[in-house]
Amino acid sequence: MGNSISQMRTSSSSSRKSININRQQIPGDVILDILSRLPAKSVVRCRCVSRTWYSFTHDPFFASLHHARSLTRDNGSALLLSYPDPSSSSTSFSFFERKQGFRNLQISNVDQQCTRLSEIIRGILCIHDRRSHRVDICNITTQETITLPRSTNIPIRSGAGVDFDIVYEPRYSFGFNSSTRDYKVLNICSISRYKLQVNPNNGLSTREVSQRTVEFEIFTIGCDRGAGSWRKIDPGYPYDQELHGLSSESVCADGAIHWRHRVFDQEILLAFDLKQEKFQIIQVPKEALEFHLMKQVKGCLVLMGHVISGYNRNKIALWILEDRHNQIWMKENVVFPSHSPCLWPVGSFKTGLILLAQHGYADPAAWAAYYCDLETKNLCMIQVPELKSVKLPCGEAGKPSDVVLTEHTENLLSLTSNVYSSIQEEKVKQFAGFFF
C-alpha cells in the first residue's frame, strides 16, 4: 500500500514537472498572441489558469491588442443601444448580438437618475451625476467602474447656513487620444458670483452677477489610476469668460473633443486638442451652419443634416473634417431610394452610419435600423427584430430623441492599471500590425 502511494506521488510529481517544462517551452509572446484572439468572456476565464496569465491579461498593452483584433473578429463587436427612459428619468442600455439578441446592460455602482452621459469611446463611458457632481468611468465590457476624485473647482457644501451666492456649473467631456493611448476627462467649470442688490424704491432685493469666471481642469484615466488628482490647465480659451452658446454635447474625433459654439451670432466649432491640451477654433462651411448633428466616422468629425426637397427627406449631406489642423472639409451626399422612410443618423459603424426609421406613426415602437456604407453608398437593413419592442421617445417630426445606436467593440482595459510605457507601445505596434 505504501509503495503504491509512493509511486502515485512520484508519478504525479513527474507529471507536474512535465507540465511546467511544457509551459516554459511556450514563449510569453505566443501565449499573449493566442489570448488576444479570444472573446472577452474566454479571456476572463483564462485569468484563473495562472498568475502569469492573470498578469498578461490585465496589462494595458494586452487590452489594446485585444481591442484591435476584436474589431475584425467575428462576434467581436455588437450594437449598443442607449435611450432615455421617461418612466424613470434614467438612461437604459441594451446590447444586441447576433447569437444572443438583445440583453439589458446594468452599470453597477452608478445611480442613473439625473445623469449626463458622454459618448461611448472604445467601450468606455463617462457618467456625470448633476446633483452630486460625481463623475464615474465605466468599462462596458468588464463592468468595472471607478469614481473620479471630486473636482477641485467645486467645493463641498456643508448644508444649512451656507452662502449660496456662488454657483458652480461644471461641464464634463470625455475623449481619447490615439497617439498617446490616453483617455481624458475635461471639466469646463463656469463659476458665477452674485451680489445682493436692494431696490431703494420698494426695498425688494434681487441677485445680480458680479463676476463670472471659467476654470479648466483635466483628469487622465490610467495615468492617474482613479486615485490621482485633477490638473488645472490653461488651454487658451478664446472667448474670455463667456460660455454662453457652447453646446453641452461633444464628439471626440481625430484626437480632439469638438463642440458647436455660437458666439456673437456666429456659428463655429470649438476643438480641444487632447495631446496639446489647447483649444482651436474651426470655421464651419456656410452650407453646414444649420447642421447640428455631429458624429465621428472613420476617425473624422462629420456634420450632417437632411436636405429637404418638398416632402422628401431621402438625402443627407455630410461635411467631413478631413484635416483639422488645416481646416479642410469635404462634402458628400448620400441619396436613399425615393420610397425610403425618413432616416435619422443615430450612430456610426466601421465605415458608415447607423440610421433609424419609424415604420408607421401609429405605432411608436415600430422602429427599424439601417446601415449605410459611405464608401459604396449602399443601404441595407440591420436585422434587429427586438428593436420593435423597445419604446423609443420621439422628438420633432418623429426624430428619435436622444437615441444612440452604435457599434461596441470589446475592451478589456483595466481602469486602475498603469499607463503605457514606451516598450509596451512598441509591442503594440509589433503585434497589432495593420490594425492600428
Protein backbone atom coordinates (compact mmCIF):
# COMPACT_ATOMS: atom_id res chain seq x y z
CA MET A 1 0.00 0.00 0.00
CA GLY A 2 2.81 2.38 0.98
CA ASN A 3 4.73 1.57 -2.19
CA SER A 4 1.60 2.22 -4.26
CA ILE A 5 1.09 5.68 -2.71
CA SER A 6 4.78 6.46 -3.14
CA GLN A 7 4.58 5.50 -6.81
CA MET A 8 1.48 7.70 -7.27
CA ARG A 9 3.25 10.68 -5.67
CA THR A 10 6.30 10.09 -7.86
CA SER A 11 4.11 9.83 -10.95
CA SER A 12 2.16 12.98 -10.00
CA SER A 13 5.38 14.88 -9.33
CA SER A 14 6.87 13.88 -12.67
CA SER A 15 3.62 14.91 -14.43
CA ARG A 16 3.73 18.36 -12.81
CA LYS A 17 7.36 18.74 -13.83
CA SER A 18 6.45 17.76 -17.38
CA ILE A 19 3.61 20.31 -17.45
CA ASN A 20 5.89 23.01 -16.06
CA ILE A 21 8.55 22.18 -18.63
CA ASN A 22 5.96 22.37 -21.43
CA ARG A 23 4.73 25.71 -20.13
CA GLN A 24 8.24 27.05 -20.04
CA GLN A 25 8.68 25.99 -23.63
CA ILE A 26 5.79 28.24 -24.72
CA PRO A 27 7.13 31.79 -25.10
CA GLY A 28 5.17 34.52 -23.38
CA ASP A 29 4.68 36.34 -26.67
CA VAL A 30 2.96 33.26 -28.13
CA ILE A 31 0.60 32.98 -25.14
CA LEU A 32 -0.15 36.66 -25.46
CA ASP A 33 -0.85 36.30 -29.17
CA ILE A 34 -3.27 33.39 -28.59
CA LEU A 35 -5.16 35.00 -25.73
CA SER A 36 -5.60 38.24 -27.64
CA ARG A 37 -7.62 36.37 -30.30
CA LEU A 38 -10.21 35.01 -27.84
CA PRO A 39 -13.58 36.57 -26.93
CA ALA A 40 -13.61 38.68 -23.77
CA LYS A 41 -15.54 36.04 -21.80
CA SER A 42 -12.93 33.40 -22.63
CA VAL A 43 -10.10 35.73 -21.64
CA VAL A 44 -11.73 36.33 -18.25
CA ARG A 45 -11.93 32.56 -17.70
CA CYS A 46 -8.28 32.13 -18.71
CA ARG A 47 -7.24 34.55 -15.98
CA CYS A 48 -7.80 31.73 -13.48
CA VAL A 49 -5.16 29.49 -15.12
CA SER A 50 -2.10 31.09 -13.54
CA ARG A 51 -0.73 34.31 -12.10
CA THR A 52 1.24 34.81 -15.30
CA TRP A 53 -1.89 34.68 -17.45
CA TYR A 54 -3.70 36.90 -14.98
CA SER A 55 -0.90 39.46 -15.23
CA PHE A 56 -0.79 39.17 -19.04
CA THR A 57 -4.49 39.84 -19.49
CA HIS A 58 -4.57 42.86 -17.13
CA ASP A 59 -1.77 44.64 -18.95
CA PRO A 60 -2.84 47.79 -20.88
CA PHE A 61 -0.79 46.56 -23.83
CA PHE A 62 -2.80 43.33 -23.96
CA ALA A 63 -6.10 45.25 -23.68
CA SER A 64 -5.15 47.44 -26.64
CA LEU A 65 -4.09 44.44 -28.72
CA HIS A 66 -7.26 42.50 -27.85
CA HIS A 67 -9.45 45.52 -28.73
CA ALA A 68 -7.72 45.93 -32.10
CA ARG A 69 -8.26 42.29 -33.00
CA SER A 70 -11.86 42.35 -31.79
CA LEU A 71 -12.60 44.92 -34.50
CA THR A 72 -12.15 42.24 -37.16
CA ARG A 73 -13.03 39.09 -35.20
CA ASP A 74 -16.45 37.51 -35.68
CA ASN A 75 -18.73 38.48 -32.78
CA GLY A 76 -16.04 40.85 -31.51
CA SER A 77 -18.47 43.72 -31.92
CA ALA A 78 -22.10 44.27 -31.00
CA LEU A 79 -24.66 47.02 -31.35
CA LEU A 80 -25.15 49.14 -28.25
CA LEU A 81 -28.48 50.94 -27.89
CA SER A 82 -28.94 53.71 -25.33
CA TYR A 83 -32.09 55.76 -24.94
CA PRO A 84 -33.81 57.83 -22.21
CA ASP A 85 -36.43 56.04 -20.17
CA PRO A 86 -39.23 58.55 -19.42
CA SER A 87 -40.73 56.35 -16.71
CA SER A 88 -37.62 56.51 -14.52
CA SER A 89 -35.85 59.64 -15.79
CA SER A 90 -32.81 57.49 -16.45
CA THR A 91 -30.97 56.06 -19.44
CA SER A 92 -31.36 52.45 -20.48
CA PHE A 93 -28.71 50.39 -22.26
CA SER A 94 -29.19 47.28 -24.37
CA PHE A 95 -26.74 45.11 -26.29
CA PHE A 96 -27.64 43.36 -29.49
CA GLU A 97 -25.55 40.35 -30.52
CA ARG A 98 -26.40 38.12 -33.43
CA LYS A 99 -26.48 34.93 -31.35
CA GLN A 100 -27.99 36.27 -28.12
CA GLY A 101 -30.29 39.03 -29.36
CA PHE A 102 -30.91 41.99 -27.04
CA ARG A 103 -29.81 41.89 -23.43
CA ASN A 104 -30.10 44.72 -20.93
CA LEU A 105 -26.94 46.27 -19.55
CA GLN A 106 -26.76 47.17 -15.88
CA ILE A 107 -23.97 49.52 -14.88
CA SER A 108 -23.07 48.64 -11.30
CA ASN A 109 -22.45 51.22 -8.58
CA VAL A 110 -23.82 54.06 -10.72
CA ASP A 111 -27.01 55.96 -9.96
CA GLN A 112 -28.55 56.52 -13.38
CA GLN A 113 -31.03 59.11 -12.08
CA CYS A 114 -30.28 62.68 -13.18
CA THR A 115 -27.10 61.72 -15.02
CA ARG A 116 -25.48 63.06 -18.15
CA LEU A 117 -23.73 60.56 -20.39
CA SER A 118 -20.76 61.15 -22.62
CA GLU A 119 -20.38 59.42 -25.94
CA ILE A 120 -19.08 55.85 -25.69
CA ILE A 121 -15.43 55.74 -26.74
CA ARG A 122 -13.84 52.34 -27.40
CA GLY A 123 -16.27 50.76 -24.92
CA ILE A 124 -15.56 53.30 -22.15
CA LEU A 125 -18.31 55.58 -20.84
CA CYS A 126 -18.18 58.74 -18.71
CA ILE A 127 -21.18 59.43 -16.46
CA HIS A 128 -21.80 62.71 -14.62
CA ASP A 129 -24.33 62.95 -11.79
CA ARG A 130 -25.58 66.53 -11.97
CA ARG A 131 -26.87 66.57 -8.40
CA SER A 132 -23.81 65.32 -6.54
CA HIS A 133 -21.26 66.29 -9.25
CA ARG A 134 -19.92 62.73 -9.08
CA VAL A 135 -18.07 61.52 -12.19
CA ASP A 136 -17.87 57.79 -12.93
CA ILE A 137 -15.92 55.99 -15.64
CA CYS A 138 -17.33 52.63 -16.71
CA ASN A 139 -15.88 49.89 -18.89
CA ILE A 140 -18.95 48.37 -20.56
CA THR A 141 -17.22 45.05 -21.34
CA THR A 142 -15.80 44.31 -17.89
CA GLN A 143 -18.45 46.27 -15.92
CA GLU A 144 -15.58 47.85 -13.97
CA THR A 145 -16.49 51.30 -12.65
CA ILE A 146 -14.32 53.89 -10.93
CA THR A 147 -15.36 57.18 -9.34
CA LEU A 148 -13.06 60.11 -10.00
CA PRO A 149 -11.99 62.39 -7.16
CA ARG A 150 -14.16 65.44 -6.67
CA SER A 151 -13.25 68.39 -8.84
CA THR A 152 -11.11 70.97 -7.09
CA ASN A 153 -13.26 73.68 -8.67
CA ILE A 154 -16.38 72.54 -6.80
CA PRO A 155 -16.17 72.84 -3.01
CA ILE A 156 -18.16 70.55 -0.75
CA ARG A 157 -21.05 72.45 0.79
CA SER A 158 -21.72 71.84 4.48
CA GLY A 159 -25.52 72.20 4.29
CA ALA A 160 -27.73 74.63 6.18
CA GLY A 161 -26.50 78.17 6.62
CA VAL A 162 -24.18 78.02 3.59
CA ASP A 163 -23.90 81.12 1.45
CA PHE A 164 -25.21 80.18 -2.00
CA ASP A 165 -24.00 83.39 -3.66
CA ILE A 166 -21.56 81.33 -5.73
CA VAL A 167 -22.95 78.98 -8.40
CA TYR A 168 -20.79 76.25 -9.96
CA GLU A 169 -21.75 74.80 -13.36
CA PRO A 170 -19.32 72.06 -14.43
CA ARG A 171 -19.35 70.54 -17.92
CA TYR A 172 -17.56 67.24 -18.29
CA SER A 173 -16.40 65.99 -21.68
CA PHE A 174 -14.70 62.69 -22.46
CA GLY A 175 -12.06 61.93 -25.08
CA PHE A 176 -9.38 59.53 -26.30
CA ASN A 177 -6.07 60.37 -27.93
CA SER A 178 -4.92 57.50 -30.17
CA SER A 179 -1.35 58.81 -30.42
CA THR A 180 -0.76 58.70 -26.65
CA ARG A 181 -3.38 55.99 -25.86
CA ASP A 182 -4.83 58.24 -23.15
CA TYR A 183 -8.45 58.62 -22.02
CA LYS A 184 -9.09 62.08 -20.59
CA VAL A 185 -11.94 63.88 -18.84
CA LEU A 186 -12.08 67.65 -19.33
CA ASN A 187 -14.01 69.80 -16.85
CA ILE A 188 -15.05 73.26 -18.04
CA CYS A 189 -16.48 74.88 -14.91
CA SER A 190 -18.34 78.18 -15.03
CA ILE A 191 -18.27 79.98 -11.67
CA SER A 192 -20.79 82.80 -11.16
CA ARG A 193 -20.58 85.11 -8.15
CA TYR A 194 -23.71 87.03 -7.18
CA LYS A 195 -24.27 90.07 -5.04
CA LEU A 196 -27.44 91.28 -3.39
CA GLN A 197 -28.97 94.45 -4.83
CA VAL A 198 -31.68 96.30 -2.89
CA ASN A 199 -34.14 98.47 -4.79
CA PRO A 200 -34.32 101.81 -2.88
CA ASN A 201 -37.83 102.49 -4.17
CA ASN A 202 -39.60 99.35 -2.93
CA GLY A 203 -36.99 97.71 -0.71
CA LEU A 204 -37.06 94.48 -2.73
CA SER A 205 -33.77 92.63 -3.12
CA THR A 206 -32.51 90.82 -6.19
CA ARG A 207 -29.36 88.87 -7.03
CA GLU A 208 -27.14 90.06 -9.84
CA VAL A 209 -23.99 88.53 -11.28
CA SER A 210 -20.98 90.44 -10.04
CA GLN A 211 -18.29 88.21 -11.55
CA ARG A 212 -18.14 85.21 -13.86
CA THR A 213 -15.03 83.09 -14.37
CA VAL A 214 -14.24 79.83 -16.14
CA GLU A 215 -11.81 77.24 -14.78
CA PHE A 216 -10.35 74.32 -16.71
CA GLU A 217 -9.00 71.07 -15.33
CA ILE A 218 -8.27 67.62 -16.73
CA PHE A 219 -8.05 64.06 -15.43
CA THR A 220 -6.14 61.32 -17.28
CA ILE A 221 -7.51 57.79 -16.88
CA GLY A 222 -4.73 55.25 -16.29
CA CYS A 223 -2.09 57.86 -15.64
CA ASP A 224 -3.93 58.97 -12.52
CA ARG A 225 -5.25 55.41 -11.94
CA GLY A 226 -8.54 56.53 -10.42
CA ALA A 227 -6.71 57.62 -7.25
CA GLY A 228 -4.94 60.59 -8.76
CA SER A 229 -6.00 64.20 -8.99
CA TRP A 230 -7.32 66.79 -11.38
CA ARG A 231 -4.79 69.07 -13.08
CA LYS A 232 -5.61 72.71 -13.61
CA ILE A 233 -4.72 73.81 -17.13
CA ASP A 234 -4.69 76.99 -19.20
CA PRO A 235 -5.92 75.79 -22.60
CA GLY A 236 -6.11 79.23 -24.18
CA TYR A 237 -9.90 79.55 -24.23
CA PRO A 238 -10.52 82.17 -26.96
CA TYR A 239 -13.63 83.86 -25.57
CA ASP A 240 -12.57 85.19 -22.17
CA GLN A 241 -15.07 84.01 -19.58
CA GLU A 242 -18.11 83.53 -21.80
CA LEU A 243 -19.54 80.02 -22.09
CA HIS A 244 -22.99 81.03 -23.30
CA GLY A 245 -23.66 79.35 -26.63
CA LEU A 246 -21.36 76.37 -26.02
CA SER A 247 -23.17 73.13 -26.77
CA SER A 248 -23.48 70.67 -23.89
CA GLU A 249 -22.89 67.75 -26.28
CA SER A 250 -19.43 66.92 -27.55
CA VAL A 251 -17.88 64.48 -30.03
CA CYS A 252 -14.36 63.09 -29.87
CA ALA A 253 -12.63 62.60 -33.24
CA ASP A 254 -9.07 62.83 -34.54
CA GLY A 255 -7.59 63.29 -31.06
CA ALA A 256 -9.79 66.24 -30.13
CA ILE A 257 -13.09 66.98 -28.40
CA HIS A 258 -15.47 69.10 -30.50
CA TRP A 259 -18.40 71.33 -29.57
CA ARG A 260 -20.75 73.54 -31.55
CA HIS A 261 -20.36 77.13 -30.32
CA ARG A 262 -22.42 80.21 -31.16
CA VAL A 263 -20.58 83.44 -30.40
CA PHE A 264 -21.95 86.85 -31.39
CA ASP A 265 -24.41 85.21 -33.80
CA GLN A 266 -21.55 83.32 -35.42
CA GLU A 267 -21.61 79.53 -35.57
CA ILE A 268 -18.22 77.86 -35.13
CA LEU A 269 -16.67 74.61 -33.96
CA LEU A 270 -14.51 74.64 -30.85
CA ALA A 271 -11.94 71.84 -30.64
CA PHE A 272 -9.83 70.83 -27.65
CA ASP A 273 -6.63 69.01 -28.68
CA LEU A 274 -6.16 66.17 -26.17
CA LYS A 275 -2.40 65.93 -26.73
CA GLN A 276 -1.54 69.63 -26.69
CA GLU A 277 -4.40 70.43 -24.26
CA LYS A 278 -5.20 73.61 -26.17
CA PHE A 279 -8.32 74.99 -27.83
CA GLN A 280 -8.70 75.61 -31.54
CA ILE A 281 -11.39 77.49 -33.45
CA ILE A 282 -12.67 75.73 -36.57
CA GLN A 283 -14.74 77.59 -39.12
CA VAL A 284 -17.87 75.81 -40.32
CA PRO A 285 -18.74 75.86 -44.06
CA LYS A 286 -21.70 78.13 -44.75
CA GLU A 287 -23.76 75.26 -46.17
CA ALA A 288 -23.29 73.31 -42.93
CA LEU A 289 -24.20 76.08 -40.47
CA GLU A 290 -27.65 74.59 -39.89
CA PHE A 291 -26.35 71.04 -39.46
CA HIS A 292 -26.33 70.45 -35.71
CA LEU A 293 -25.86 66.69 -35.80
CA MET A 294 -22.24 65.66 -35.19
CA LYS A 295 -20.81 62.15 -35.40
CA GLN A 296 -17.41 60.50 -35.61
CA VAL A 297 -16.98 58.30 -38.68
CA LYS A 298 -13.69 56.59 -39.59
CA GLY A 299 -11.85 58.81 -37.11
CA CYS A 300 -13.11 62.08 -38.62
CA LEU A 301 -15.66 64.57 -37.37
CA VAL A 302 -18.77 64.70 -39.56
CA LEU A 303 -21.53 67.33 -39.62
CA MET A 304 -24.70 66.07 -41.20
CA GLY A 305 -28.26 67.04 -41.90
CA HIS A 306 -31.22 66.32 -44.14
CA VAL A 307 -31.51 68.08 -47.49
CA ILE A 308 -35.25 68.69 -47.71
CA SER A 309 -36.91 68.79 -51.10
CA GLY A 310 -40.66 69.24 -50.80
CA TYR A 311 -41.87 66.47 -48.54
CA ASN A 312 -38.87 64.25 -49.21
CA ARG A 313 -36.10 63.70 -46.68
CA ASN A 314 -34.27 61.00 -48.60
CA LYS A 315 -31.00 62.92 -48.95
CA ILE A 316 -28.38 63.54 -46.27
CA ALA A 317 -25.46 65.91 -46.76
CA LEU A 318 -22.22 65.13 -44.93
CA TRP A 319 -19.45 67.60 -44.24
CA ILE A 320 -16.31 65.66 -43.25
CA LEU A 321 -13.43 67.40 -41.46
CA GLU A 322 -10.57 65.58 -43.18
CA ASP A 323 -7.77 67.79 -41.81
CA ARG A 324 -8.48 69.53 -38.52
CA HIS A 325 -5.21 71.44 -38.34
CA ASN A 326 -5.59 72.94 -41.83
CA GLN A 327 -9.40 73.03 -41.59
CA ILE A 328 -10.03 71.09 -44.80
CA TRP A 329 -13.64 69.97 -45.28
CA MET A 330 -15.04 67.55 -47.83
CA LYS A 331 -18.71 67.30 -48.75
CA GLU A 332 -20.55 64.08 -49.57
CA ASN A 333 -24.20 63.46 -50.37
CA VAL A 334 -25.99 60.25 -49.55
CA VAL A 335 -29.22 59.73 -51.50
CA PHE A 336 -31.64 56.99 -50.49
CA PRO A 337 -34.30 55.45 -52.70
CA SER A 338 -37.36 57.65 -53.06
CA HIS A 339 -39.56 55.09 -51.30
CA SER A 340 -37.27 55.02 -48.24
CA PRO A 341 -38.67 56.19 -44.90
CA CYS A 342 -37.24 59.25 -43.19
CA LEU A 343 -33.87 58.10 -41.87
CA TRP A 344 -32.17 59.67 -38.85
CA PRO A 345 -28.44 59.11 -38.21
CA VAL A 346 -28.02 57.86 -34.64
CA GLY A 347 -24.54 56.32 -34.66
CA SER A 348 -21.53 55.08 -36.60
CA PHE A 349 -20.38 51.61 -37.57
CA LYS A 350 -16.97 50.89 -39.11
CA THR A 351 -17.08 52.71 -42.48
CA GLY A 352 -20.60 54.07 -42.33
CA LEU A 353 -23.62 55.31 -40.45
CA ILE A 354 -26.36 53.62 -38.48
CA LEU A 355 -29.78 55.10 -39.10
CA LEU A 356 -33.20 54.65 -37.57
CA ALA A 357 -36.54 54.95 -39.30
CA GLN A 358 -40.02 54.82 -37.90
CA HIS A 359 -42.37 52.48 -39.72
CA GLY A 360 -45.89 53.70 -39.19
CA TYR A 361 -46.58 56.68 -36.94
CA ALA A 362 -49.49 54.86 -35.31
CA ASP A 363 -47.10 52.53 -33.52
CA PRO A 364 -44.36 54.46 -31.64
CA ALA A 365 -42.36 51.26 -31.15
CA ALA A 366 -42.18 50.27 -34.81
CA TRP A 367 -38.57 51.26 -35.47
CA ALA A 368 -36.16 49.75 -37.94
CA ALA A 369 -32.37 50.06 -38.14
CA TYR A 370 -30.35 50.56 -41.31
CA TYR A 371 -26.69 50.67 -42.18
CA CYS A 372 -25.32 52.98 -44.85
CA ASP A 373 -21.83 52.28 -46.17
CA LEU A 374 -20.32 55.66 -47.01
CA GLU A 375 -17.81 54.13 -49.42
CA THR A 376 -20.30 52.24 -51.59
CA LYS A 377 -23.41 54.33 -50.69
CA ASN A 378 -25.30 51.06 -50.24
CA LEU A 379 -28.19 50.98 -47.78
CA CYS A 380 -29.24 47.78 -46.04
CA MET A 381 -31.50 46.93 -43.14
CA ILE A 382 -29.93 45.58 -39.94
CA GLN A 383 -31.89 42.57 -38.76
CA VAL A 384 -32.71 43.56 -35.18
CA PRO A 385 -36.20 42.12 -34.55
CA GLU A 386 -36.16 43.06 -30.84
CA LEU A 387 -35.81 46.74 -31.75
CA LYS A 388 -39.54 46.86 -32.42
CA SER A 389 -40.25 46.01 -28.80
CA VAL A 390 -38.11 48.86 -27.45
CA LYS A 391 -40.15 52.01 -26.88
CA LEU A 392 -38.11 54.94 -28.18
CA PRO A 393 -39.16 58.50 -27.37
CA CYS A 394 -39.87 60.69 -30.39
CA GLY A 395 -38.84 64.28 -30.86
CA GLU A 396 -39.62 66.80 -33.56
CA ALA A 397 -41.01 65.32 -36.80
CA GLY A 398 -40.71 61.77 -35.49
CA LYS A 399 -36.99 62.01 -34.79
CA PRO A 400 -35.78 59.51 -32.17
CA SER A 401 -34.96 61.75 -29.24
CA ASP A 402 -31.53 61.29 -27.60
CA VAL A 403 -31.20 57.79 -29.03
CA VAL A 404 -27.78 56.32 -29.77
CA LEU A 405 -27.32 53.06 -31.66
CA THR A 406 -23.67 52.46 -32.31
CA GLU A 407 -21.04 49.77 -32.66
CA HIS A 408 -19.47 48.47 -29.48
CA THR A 409 -16.19 46.56 -29.59
CA GLU A 410 -14.90 44.57 -26.63
CA ASN A 411 -12.34 46.37 -24.49
CA LEU A 412 -10.61 44.66 -21.54
CA LEU A 413 -8.77 47.79 -20.37
CA SER A 414 -8.46 47.93 -16.60
CA LEU A 415 -9.39 51.41 -15.40
CA THR A 416 -6.94 51.18 -12.50
CA SER A 417 -3.89 49.96 -14.44
CA ASN A 418 -0.72 51.90 -15.13
CA VAL A 419 -0.15 53.93 -18.25
CA TYR A 420 1.65 52.63 -21.32
CA SER A 421 5.41 52.59 -21.32
CA SER A 422 7.41 53.17 -24.49
CA ILE A 423 8.31 49.46 -24.53
CA GLN A 424 4.63 48.48 -24.38
CA GLU A 425 3.89 50.88 -27.22
CA GLU A 426 6.48 49.14 -29.40
CA LYS A 427 4.94 45.75 -28.56
CA VAL A 428 1.52 47.02 -29.59
CA LYS A 429 2.85 48.07 -32.97
CA GLN A 430 4.63 44.73 -33.49
CA PHE A 431 1.62 42.60 -32.59
CA ALA A 432 -1.21 44.72 -33.99
CA GLY A 433 0.45 45.37 -37.33
CA PHE A 434 -2.04 46.95 -39.69
CA PHE A 435 -4.82 47.08 -37.08
CA PHE A 436 -3.50 50.44 -35.80
